Amino acid sequence: MKNFSLITLFIAAAFGAQASFADTLKIKVDGMVCGFCASSIEKKMRANQATADVYVSLENKIVAVSEKTGQTLDDAVLKAQIADSGYEVKTIERVSASIADVRAATKAKKT
């Protein structure tokens, strides 16, 4: 019976850790008009040490940035970095989705 309780506790802890995955910030950006714009924003976002991954959709004017587990990206800092690059942040939204999910959703909008 003890083994069953330990296994149950272990499984619950594992699923609990899985459920608390890092956030993804979905940022609507005005002013991106070319591939250079998108790549410069991506480079700037990747330079942040709390960034796990970045996806930029030029067509949808979206920048998605995922946080490394246990770290937090500050909305104001991201907004300032994008503004300093010459672009305007319209909205920043924290979503419980991976970069792959955001990429798939933006590609689905095209079809």
Protein backbone atom coordinates (compact mmCIF):
# COMPACT_ATOMS: atom_id res chain seq x y z
CA MET A 1 0.00 0.00 0.00
CA LYS A 2 2.90 2.37 0.75
CA ASN A 3 4.32 1.82 -2.73
CA PHE A 4 0.96 2.65 -4.30
CA SER A 5 0.77 5.91 -2.30
CA LEU A 6 4.32 6.88 -3.26
CA ILE A 7 3.69 6.14 -6.92
CA THR A 8 0.46 8.16 -6.84
CA LEU A 9 2.27 11.06 -5.17
CA PHE A 10 5.08 10.88 -7.75
CA ILE A 11 2.63 10.87 -10.68
CA ALA A 12 0.66 13.77 -9.20
CA ALA A 13 3.87 15.76 -8.73
CA ALA A 14 4.96 15.01 -12.29
CA PHE A 15 1.66 16.14 -13.76
CA GLY A 16 1.63 19.21 -11.52
CA ALA A 17 5.06 20.21 -12.81
CA GLN A 18 3.92 19.62 -16.36
CA ALA A 19 0.82 21.76 -15.93
CA SER A 20 2.86 24.74 -14.76
CA PHE A 21 4.82 25.19 -17.98
CA ALA A 22 6.28 28.53 -18.90
CA ASP A 23 4.15 31.24 -20.43
CA THR A 24 4.22 32.42 -23.99
CA LEU A 25 3.79 36.11 -24.67
CA LYS A 26 1.89 36.92 -27.84
CA ILE A 27 2.74 40.45 -28.93
CA LYS A 28 0.94 42.39 -31.69
CA VAL A 29 3.46 44.68 -33.38
CA ASP A 30 2.87 47.49 -35.87
CA GLY A 31 5.55 48.60 -38.30
CA MET A 32 6.94 45.23 -39.42
CA VAL A 33 6.94 45.38 -43.20
CA CYS A 34 9.77 43.10 -44.33
CA GLY A 35 11.85 40.09 -43.46
CA PHE A 36 14.59 42.31 -42.06
CA CYS A 37 12.07 43.82 -39.61
CA ALA A 38 11.01 40.36 -38.45
CA SER A 39 14.56 39.04 -38.10
CA SER A 40 15.76 42.11 -36.18
CA ILE A 41 12.91 41.74 -33.67
CA GLU A 42 13.59 38.01 -33.37
CA LYS A 43 17.28 38.65 -32.72
CA LYS A 44 16.45 41.25 -30.06
CA MET A 45 14.00 38.90 -28.30
CA ARG A 46 16.44 35.97 -28.35
CA ALA A 47 19.08 38.13 -26.64
CA ASN A 48 16.98 38.16 -23.46
CA GLN A 49 18.28 35.46 -21.11
CA ALA A 50 14.77 34.52 -19.96
CA THR A 51 13.71 33.71 -23.55
CA ALA A 52 13.32 30.05 -24.46
CA ASP A 53 12.04 30.46 -28.04
CA VAL A 54 10.76 33.11 -30.45
CA TYR A 55 8.39 33.03 -33.40
CA VAL A 56 7.72 36.05 -35.62
CA SER A 57 4.85 36.15 -38.10
CA LEU A 58 5.36 39.05 -40.47
CA GLU A 59 2.02 38.38 -42.18
CA ASN A 60 0.05 38.47 -38.91
CA LYS A 61 2.32 41.06 -37.23
CA ILE A 62 2.75 38.78 -34.22
CA VAL A 63 5.83 38.12 -32.12
CA ALA A 64 5.54 35.13 -29.78
CA VAL A 65 8.14 34.72 -27.06
CA SER A 66 8.23 31.79 -24.64
CA GLU A 67 9.82 32.00 -21.24
CA LYS A 68 12.38 29.59 -19.89
CA THR A 69 10.97 27.51 -17.07
CA GLY A 70 11.29 29.35 -13.79
CA GLN A 71 11.99 32.70 -15.43
CA THR A 72 9.74 35.63 -16.28
CA LEU A 73 9.91 38.06 -19.16
CA ASP A 74 8.88 41.55 -18.12
CA ASP A 75 6.20 43.01 -20.41
CA ALA A 76 7.56 46.55 -20.03
CA VAL A 77 11.08 45.44 -20.97
CA LEU A 78 9.85 43.60 -24.07
CA LYS A 79 7.74 46.59 -25.07
CA ALA A 80 10.75 48.91 -24.65
CA GLN A 81 13.02 46.59 -26.66
CA ILE A 82 10.55 46.50 -29.54
CA ALA A 83 9.94 50.27 -29.37
CA ASP A 84 13.71 50.93 -29.32
CA SER A 85 13.92 48.90 -32.53
CA GLY A 86 11.44 51.27 -34.17
CA TYR A 87 8.21 49.28 -33.91
CA GLU A 88 5.01 49.85 -31.98
CA VAL A 89 3.59 47.29 -29.57
CA LYS A 90 -0.20 47.19 -29.80
CA THR A 91 -0.91 44.44 -27.25
CA ILE A 92 0.90 41.90 -25.10
CA GLU A 93 -1.06 38.83 -24.11
CA ARG A 94 0.13 35.90 -21.97
CA VAL A 95 -1.22 32.65 -23.37
CA SER A 96 -1.01 29.07 -22.18
CA ALA A 97 0.27 27.79 -25.49
CA SER A 98 3.61 26.75 -26.87
CA ILE A 99 5.41 28.52 -29.68
CA ALA A 100 4.42 25.59 -31.91
CA ASP A 101 0.74 26.17 -31.01
CA VAL A 102 1.00 29.88 -31.84
CA ARG A 103 2.77 29.08 -35.13
CA ALA A 104 0.09 26.54 -36.07
CA ALA A 105 -2.71 28.98 -35.22
CA THR A 106 -1.22 31.75 -37.36
CA LYS A 107 -0.67 29.37 -40.28
CA ALA A 108 -4.26 28.14 -39.97
CA LYS A 109 -5.49 31.73 -40.36
CA LYS A 110 -3.83 31.92 -43.79
CA THR A 111 -5.77 28.97 -45.23
